[in-house]
Amino acid sequence: MVLAAFAGAALLLAAIGIYGVAAQAVAQRTREIGLRMAVGATPGSILRLVLADGVRVAAIGLAVGYAGATVLGRLLGKLLFGVGPVDGPVLVGALVVVFVVSLAACYAPARRATRIDPIVALRWE
């Protein structure tokens, strides 16, 4: 139970961190997004653009995390109970959960990016 609580807390902290990074990226790209909207980009294309950036970063992080988990899993194999050092279903399940959480964390800043007013964004200094 304690391990599950710490895992949940770690997942929550990761989601908050991903949300913060995505929100900062949208804030830094306000002028670019405003310009795209001024020349005809649809809210759906802006949503896909921001989500694609978030998914790209999440995929890189998951690949590095998977490699690290397999290496460290072999080193810490004697300390594990009930699973093997490189248990495929457990690793894939963890990757899917973290990917879905990161996608959900990127969704709010992406929705906010679709509501940027092009006039305000282009006048902003």
N, C-alpha and C. Protein backbone atom coordinates (compact mmCIF):
# COMPACT_ATOMS: atom_id res chain seq x y z
N MET A 1 0.82 -1.20 0.00
CA MET A 1 0.00 0.00 0.00
C MET A 1 0.86 1.27 0.00
N VAL A 2 1.95 1.22 0.77
CA VAL A 2 2.84 2.38 0.83
C VAL A 2 3.49 2.61 -0.53
N LEU A 3 3.91 1.52 -1.17
CA LEU A 3 4.53 1.64 -2.49
C LEU A 3 3.54 2.21 -3.51
N ALA A 4 2.29 1.77 -3.44
CA ALA A 4 1.27 2.29 -4.35
C ALA A 4 1.02 3.77 -4.09
N ALA A 5 1.04 4.17 -2.84
CA ALA A 5 0.85 5.59 -2.52
C ALA A 5 2.00 6.43 -3.06
N PHE A 6 3.22 5.96 -2.90
CA PHE A 6 4.37 6.69 -3.43
C PHE A 6 4.35 6.72 -4.96
N ALA A 7 3.93 5.62 -5.57
CA ALA A 7 3.84 5.58 -7.03
C ALA A 7 2.79 6.57 -7.52
N GLY A 8 1.66 6.64 -6.83
CA GLY A 8 0.63 7.61 -7.20
C GLY A 8 1.10 9.04 -7.03
N ALA A 9 1.82 9.29 -5.95
CA ALA A 9 2.37 10.64 -5.73
C ALA A 9 3.38 10.99 -6.80
N ALA A 10 4.21 10.04 -7.19
CA ALA A 10 5.20 10.28 -8.25
C ALA A 10 4.51 10.55 -9.58
N LEU A 11 3.44 9.82 -9.86
CA LEU A 11 2.70 10.03 -11.10
C LEU A 11 2.03 11.41 -11.10
N LEU A 12 1.50 11.81 -9.96
CA LEU A 12 0.89 13.13 -9.84
C LEU A 12 1.93 14.24 -10.03
N LEU A 13 3.08 14.10 -9.41
CA LEU A 13 4.15 15.09 -9.58
C LEU A 13 4.63 15.15 -11.02
N ALA A 14 4.71 14.00 -11.68
CA ALA A 14 5.11 13.98 -13.08
C ALA A 14 4.08 14.71 -13.95
N ALA A 15 2.81 14.48 -13.68
CA ALA A 15 1.75 15.15 -14.44
C ALA A 15 1.80 16.66 -14.23
N ILE A 16 2.03 17.10 -13.00
CA ILE A 16 2.12 18.53 -12.71
C ILE A 16 3.33 19.13 -13.43
N GLY A 17 4.43 18.42 -13.44
CA GLY A 17 5.63 18.91 -14.13
C GLY A 17 5.43 19.00 -15.63
N ILE A 18 4.81 17.99 -16.21
CA ILE A 18 4.56 18.00 -17.65
C ILE A 18 3.59 19.12 -18.00
N TYR A 19 2.57 19.31 -17.17
CA TYR A 19 1.63 20.40 -17.39
C TYR A 19 2.36 21.75 -17.36
N GLY A 20 3.24 21.94 -16.40
CA GLY A 20 3.97 23.19 -16.29
C GLY A 20 4.86 23.46 -17.48
N VAL A 21 5.54 22.43 -17.94
CA VAL A 21 6.42 22.60 -19.10
C VAL A 21 5.60 22.90 -20.35
N ALA A 22 4.49 22.20 -20.52
CA ALA A 22 3.65 22.44 -21.69
C ALA A 22 3.03 23.84 -21.65
N ALA A 23 2.60 24.28 -20.47
CA ALA A 23 2.03 25.62 -20.35
C ALA A 23 3.07 26.69 -20.64
N GLN A 24 4.29 26.48 -20.18
CA GLN A 24 5.37 27.44 -20.45
C GLN A 24 5.70 27.47 -21.95
N ALA A 25 5.70 26.31 -22.58
CA ALA A 25 5.97 26.26 -24.02
C ALA A 25 4.90 27.00 -24.81
N VAL A 26 3.64 26.84 -24.41
CA VAL A 26 2.56 27.57 -25.08
C VAL A 26 2.70 29.06 -24.84
N ALA A 27 3.05 29.45 -23.63
CA ALA A 27 3.22 30.88 -23.33
C ALA A 27 4.35 31.48 -24.15
N GLN A 28 5.43 30.75 -24.34
CA GLN A 28 6.55 31.26 -25.12
C GLN A 28 6.21 31.33 -26.61
N ARG A 29 5.30 30.48 -27.05
CA ARG A 29 4.96 30.45 -28.48
C ARG A 29 3.67 31.20 -28.79
N THR A 30 3.26 32.09 -27.91
CA THR A 30 2.00 32.81 -28.09
C THR A 30 1.98 33.59 -29.40
N ARG A 31 3.06 34.29 -29.70
CA ARG A 31 3.10 35.07 -30.95
C ARG A 31 3.05 34.16 -32.17
N GLU A 32 3.78 33.05 -32.12
CA GLU A 32 3.75 32.12 -33.25
C GLU A 32 2.36 31.54 -33.46
N ILE A 33 1.73 31.15 -32.39
CA ILE A 33 0.38 30.57 -32.50
C ILE A 33 -0.60 31.63 -32.98
N GLY A 34 -0.47 32.87 -32.46
CA GLY A 34 -1.32 33.95 -32.93
C GLY A 34 -1.14 34.22 -34.41
N LEU A 35 0.10 34.19 -34.88
CA LEU A 35 0.36 34.39 -36.30
C LEU A 35 -0.23 33.26 -37.13
N ARG A 36 -0.09 32.03 -36.67
CA ARG A 36 -0.68 30.89 -37.38
C ARG A 36 -2.19 31.04 -37.48
N MET A 37 -2.81 31.48 -36.38
CA MET A 37 -4.26 31.65 -36.40
C MET A 37 -4.67 32.82 -37.30
N ALA A 38 -3.83 33.86 -37.34
CA ALA A 38 -4.14 35.01 -38.19
C ALA A 38 -4.09 34.66 -39.67
N VAL A 39 -3.24 33.72 -40.04
CA VAL A 39 -3.15 33.35 -41.45
C VAL A 39 -4.03 32.15 -41.80
N GLY A 40 -4.86 31.72 -40.85
CA GLY A 40 -5.88 30.74 -41.21
C GLY A 40 -5.82 29.39 -40.54
N ALA A 41 -4.97 29.20 -39.57
CA ALA A 41 -4.92 27.90 -38.89
C ALA A 41 -6.20 27.71 -38.07
N THR A 42 -6.71 26.53 -38.09
CA THR A 42 -7.92 26.22 -37.34
C THR A 42 -7.56 25.85 -35.90
N PRO A 43 -8.50 25.98 -34.98
CA PRO A 43 -8.22 25.55 -33.61
C PRO A 43 -7.81 24.08 -33.51
N GLY A 44 -8.37 23.25 -34.37
CA GLY A 44 -7.99 21.84 -34.37
C GLY A 44 -6.54 21.63 -34.76
N SER A 45 -6.06 22.40 -35.73
CA SER A 45 -4.66 22.24 -36.13
C SER A 45 -3.72 22.77 -35.05
N ILE A 46 -4.12 23.81 -34.35
CA ILE A 46 -3.30 24.33 -33.25
C ILE A 46 -3.28 23.30 -32.11
N LEU A 47 -4.42 22.70 -31.82
CA LEU A 47 -4.49 21.66 -30.79
C LEU A 47 -3.57 20.49 -31.14
N ARG A 48 -3.62 20.05 -32.39
CA ARG A 48 -2.74 18.95 -32.82
C ARG A 48 -1.27 19.34 -32.75
N LEU A 49 -0.95 20.58 -33.09
CA LEU A 49 0.43 21.05 -33.05
C LEU A 49 1.00 20.99 -31.64
N VAL A 50 0.25 21.52 -30.69
CA VAL A 50 0.73 21.55 -29.30
C VAL A 50 0.77 20.14 -28.72
N LEU A 51 -0.25 19.34 -28.99
CA LEU A 51 -0.25 17.96 -28.49
C LEU A 51 0.87 17.13 -29.12
N ALA A 52 1.16 17.37 -30.39
CA ALA A 52 2.24 16.63 -31.04
C ALA A 52 3.58 16.94 -30.40
N ASP A 53 3.80 18.20 -30.03
CA ASP A 53 5.04 18.55 -29.33
C ASP A 53 5.12 17.84 -27.98
N GLY A 54 4.01 17.82 -27.26
CA GLY A 54 3.99 17.13 -25.97
C GLY A 54 4.20 15.63 -26.10
N VAL A 55 3.58 15.03 -27.10
CA VAL A 55 3.73 13.59 -27.33
C VAL A 55 5.16 13.26 -27.73
N ARG A 56 5.78 14.12 -28.52
CA ARG A 56 7.15 13.87 -28.94
C ARG A 56 8.10 13.85 -27.73
N VAL A 57 7.94 14.82 -26.86
CA VAL A 57 8.78 14.87 -25.65
C VAL A 57 8.49 13.68 -24.75
N ALA A 58 7.22 13.34 -24.60
CA ALA A 58 6.84 12.20 -23.76
C ALA A 58 7.39 10.90 -24.32
N ALA A 59 7.35 10.74 -25.63
CA ALA A 59 7.86 9.51 -26.25
C ALA A 59 9.37 9.37 -26.04
N ILE A 60 10.10 10.46 -26.14
CA ILE A 60 11.54 10.42 -25.90
C ILE A 60 11.80 10.05 -24.44
N GLY A 61 11.08 10.67 -23.53
CA GLY A 61 11.24 10.36 -22.12
C GLY A 61 10.87 8.92 -21.79
N LEU A 62 9.83 8.41 -22.42
CA LEU A 62 9.44 7.02 -22.18
C LEU A 62 10.47 6.05 -22.74
N ALA A 63 11.06 6.36 -23.87
CA ALA A 63 12.09 5.49 -24.44
C ALA A 63 13.31 5.44 -23.53
N VAL A 64 13.73 6.59 -23.05
CA VAL A 64 14.87 6.63 -22.13
C VAL A 64 14.52 5.92 -20.82
N GLY A 65 13.31 6.13 -20.33
CA GLY A 65 12.87 5.47 -19.11
C GLY A 65 12.78 3.97 -19.25
N TYR A 66 12.33 3.50 -20.40
CA TYR A 66 12.25 2.06 -20.64
C TYR A 66 13.66 1.45 -20.65
N ALA A 67 14.58 2.12 -21.32
CA ALA A 67 15.96 1.62 -21.36
C ALA A 67 16.56 1.60 -19.95
N GLY A 68 16.33 2.66 -19.20
CA GLY A 68 16.84 2.71 -17.84
C GLY A 68 16.20 1.66 -16.94
N ALA A 69 14.90 1.42 -17.13
CA ALA A 69 14.21 0.42 -16.31
C ALA A 69 14.71 -0.99 -16.61
N THR A 70 15.02 -1.29 -17.85
CA THR A 70 15.53 -2.63 -18.16
C THR A 70 16.93 -2.82 -17.59
N VAL A 71 17.76 -1.80 -17.70
CA VAL A 71 19.12 -1.92 -17.15
C VAL A 71 19.08 -2.01 -15.62
N LEU A 72 18.35 -1.11 -14.99
CA LEU A 72 18.28 -1.13 -13.53
C LEU A 72 17.49 -2.32 -13.00
N GLY A 73 16.54 -2.79 -13.77
CA GLY A 73 15.78 -3.98 -13.36
C GLY A 73 16.66 -5.20 -13.24
N ARG A 74 17.58 -5.32 -14.15
CA ARG A 74 18.52 -6.46 -14.08
C ARG A 74 19.46 -6.31 -12.87
N LEU A 75 19.87 -5.08 -12.57
CA LEU A 75 20.75 -4.87 -11.43
C LEU A 75 20.03 -5.08 -10.09
N LEU A 76 18.76 -4.73 -10.04
CA LEU A 76 18.00 -4.82 -8.80
C LEU A 76 17.08 -6.05 -8.76
N GLY A 77 17.33 -7.01 -9.61
CA GLY A 77 16.47 -8.19 -9.74
C GLY A 77 16.28 -8.96 -8.46
N LYS A 78 17.28 -9.01 -7.61
CA LYS A 78 17.17 -9.77 -6.37
C LYS A 78 16.25 -9.10 -5.35
N LEU A 79 16.00 -7.81 -5.50
CA LEU A 79 15.16 -7.09 -4.56
C LEU A 79 13.68 -7.10 -4.95
N LEU A 80 13.38 -7.56 -6.15
CA LEU A 80 11.99 -7.56 -6.63
C LEU A 80 11.25 -8.78 -6.11
N PHE A 81 9.96 -8.60 -5.81
CA PHE A 81 9.15 -9.69 -5.30
C PHE A 81 7.92 -9.84 -6.17
N GLY A 82 7.72 -10.99 -6.76
CA GLY A 82 6.52 -11.27 -7.52
C GLY A 82 6.61 -10.95 -9.00
N VAL A 83 7.64 -10.28 -9.44
CA VAL A 83 7.85 -9.99 -10.86
C VAL A 83 9.30 -10.25 -11.20
N GLY A 84 9.54 -10.51 -12.45
CA GLY A 84 10.91 -10.70 -12.91
C GLY A 84 11.60 -9.36 -13.07
N PRO A 85 12.91 -9.38 -13.28
CA PRO A 85 13.64 -8.12 -13.42
C PRO A 85 13.20 -7.31 -14.64
N VAL A 86 12.82 -7.99 -15.69
CA VAL A 86 12.33 -7.29 -16.89
C VAL A 86 11.00 -7.94 -17.26
N ASP A 87 9.95 -7.59 -16.54
CA ASP A 87 8.62 -8.14 -16.76
C ASP A 87 7.91 -7.29 -17.81
N GLY A 88 7.73 -7.83 -18.99
CA GLY A 88 7.17 -7.09 -20.12
C GLY A 88 5.81 -6.45 -19.85
N PRO A 89 4.82 -7.22 -19.38
CA PRO A 89 3.50 -6.60 -19.16
C PRO A 89 3.53 -5.47 -18.12
N VAL A 90 4.35 -5.59 -17.11
CA VAL A 90 4.43 -4.53 -16.10
C VAL A 90 5.05 -3.28 -16.70
N LEU A 91 6.13 -3.43 -17.46
CA LEU A 91 6.77 -2.27 -18.07
C LEU A 91 5.88 -1.61 -19.11
N VAL A 92 5.21 -2.42 -19.92
CA VAL A 92 4.31 -1.86 -20.94
C VAL A 92 3.13 -1.16 -20.27
N GLY A 93 2.59 -1.76 -19.22
CA GLY A 93 1.50 -1.11 -18.49
C GLY A 93 1.91 0.22 -17.91
N ALA A 94 3.10 0.27 -17.32
CA ALA A 94 3.60 1.52 -16.76
C ALA A 94 3.82 2.56 -17.86
N LEU A 95 4.35 2.14 -19.01
CA LEU A 95 4.55 3.07 -20.12
C LEU A 95 3.22 3.63 -20.62
N VAL A 96 2.22 2.79 -20.71
CA VAL A 96 0.91 3.25 -21.18
C VAL A 96 0.30 4.24 -20.20
N VAL A 97 0.39 3.93 -18.91
CA VAL A 97 -0.17 4.84 -17.90
C VAL A 97 0.54 6.19 -17.93
N VAL A 98 1.85 6.19 -18.00
CA VAL A 98 2.60 7.45 -18.02
C VAL A 98 2.32 8.22 -19.32
N PHE A 99 2.17 7.52 -20.43
CA PHE A 99 1.87 8.19 -21.70
C PHE A 99 0.49 8.84 -21.65
N VAL A 100 -0.50 8.15 -21.13
CA VAL A 100 -1.85 8.71 -21.04
C VAL A 100 -1.87 9.90 -20.09
N VAL A 101 -1.16 9.81 -18.99
CA VAL A 101 -1.09 10.93 -18.04
C VAL A 101 -0.40 12.13 -18.69
N SER A 102 0.67 11.89 -19.43
CA SER A 102 1.37 13.01 -20.08
C SER A 102 0.51 13.63 -21.18
N LEU A 103 -0.25 12.82 -21.89
CA LEU A 103 -1.15 13.36 -22.91
C LEU A 103 -2.26 14.19 -22.26
N ALA A 104 -2.79 13.72 -21.14
CA ALA A 104 -3.81 14.49 -20.43
C ALA A 104 -3.23 15.79 -19.86
N ALA A 105 -1.99 15.76 -19.41
CA ALA A 105 -1.36 16.96 -18.88
C ALA A 105 -1.10 17.99 -19.97
N CYS A 106 -0.87 17.55 -21.19
CA CYS A 106 -0.63 18.47 -22.30
C CYS A 106 -1.93 19.02 -22.90
N TYR A 107 -3.06 18.39 -22.58
CA TYR A 107 -4.31 18.77 -23.21
C TYR A 107 -4.79 20.16 -22.77
N ALA A 108 -4.67 20.48 -21.48
CA ALA A 108 -5.15 21.79 -21.00
C ALA A 108 -4.38 22.95 -21.63
N PRO A 109 -3.04 22.92 -21.67
CA PRO A 109 -2.35 24.01 -22.37
C PRO A 109 -2.66 24.05 -23.87
N ALA A 110 -2.90 22.89 -24.46
CA ALA A 110 -3.23 22.87 -25.89
C ALA A 110 -4.60 23.51 -26.12
N ARG A 111 -5.56 23.24 -25.24
CA ARG A 111 -6.87 23.89 -25.36
C ARG A 111 -6.74 25.40 -25.16
N ARG A 112 -5.89 25.81 -24.23
CA ARG A 112 -5.68 27.23 -24.00
C ARG A 112 -5.06 27.88 -25.24
N ALA A 113 -4.21 27.17 -25.93
CA ALA A 113 -3.57 27.71 -27.14
C ALA A 113 -4.59 27.94 -28.24
N THR A 114 -5.66 27.15 -28.28
CA THR A 114 -6.66 27.34 -29.33
C THR A 114 -7.50 28.59 -29.09
N ARG A 115 -7.47 29.14 -27.89
CA ARG A 115 -8.27 30.33 -27.57
C ARG A 115 -7.45 31.62 -27.60
N ILE A 116 -6.24 31.55 -28.12
CA ILE A 116 -5.41 32.75 -28.23
C ILE A 116 -6.01 33.66 -29.28
N ASP A 117 -6.17 34.93 -28.92
CA ASP A 117 -6.68 35.93 -29.87
C ASP A 117 -5.51 36.40 -30.72
N PRO A 118 -5.59 36.23 -32.05
CA PRO A 118 -4.46 36.61 -32.90
C PRO A 118 -4.07 38.08 -32.78
N ILE A 119 -5.02 38.96 -32.64
CA ILE A 119 -4.71 40.39 -32.55
C ILE A 119 -3.93 40.69 -31.28
N VAL A 120 -4.37 40.15 -30.17
CA VAL A 120 -3.69 40.38 -28.91
C VAL A 120 -2.29 39.75 -28.93
N ALA A 121 -2.19 38.57 -29.52
CA ALA A 121 -0.89 37.87 -29.57
C ALA A 121 0.11 38.63 -30.42
N LEU A 122 -0.33 39.22 -31.51
CA LEU A 122 0.59 39.93 -32.39
C LEU A 122 0.98 41.30 -31.84
N ARG A 123 0.14 41.89 -31.00
CA ARG A 123 0.48 43.18 -30.39
C ARG A 123 1.31 43.02 -29.13
N TRP A 124 1.32 41.85 -28.55
CA TRP A 124 1.98 41.60 -27.27
C TRP A 124 3.48 41.68 -27.42
N GLU A 125 4.14 42.34 -26.50
CA GLU A 125 5.60 42.46 -26.51
C GLU A 125 6.19 41.79 -25.34
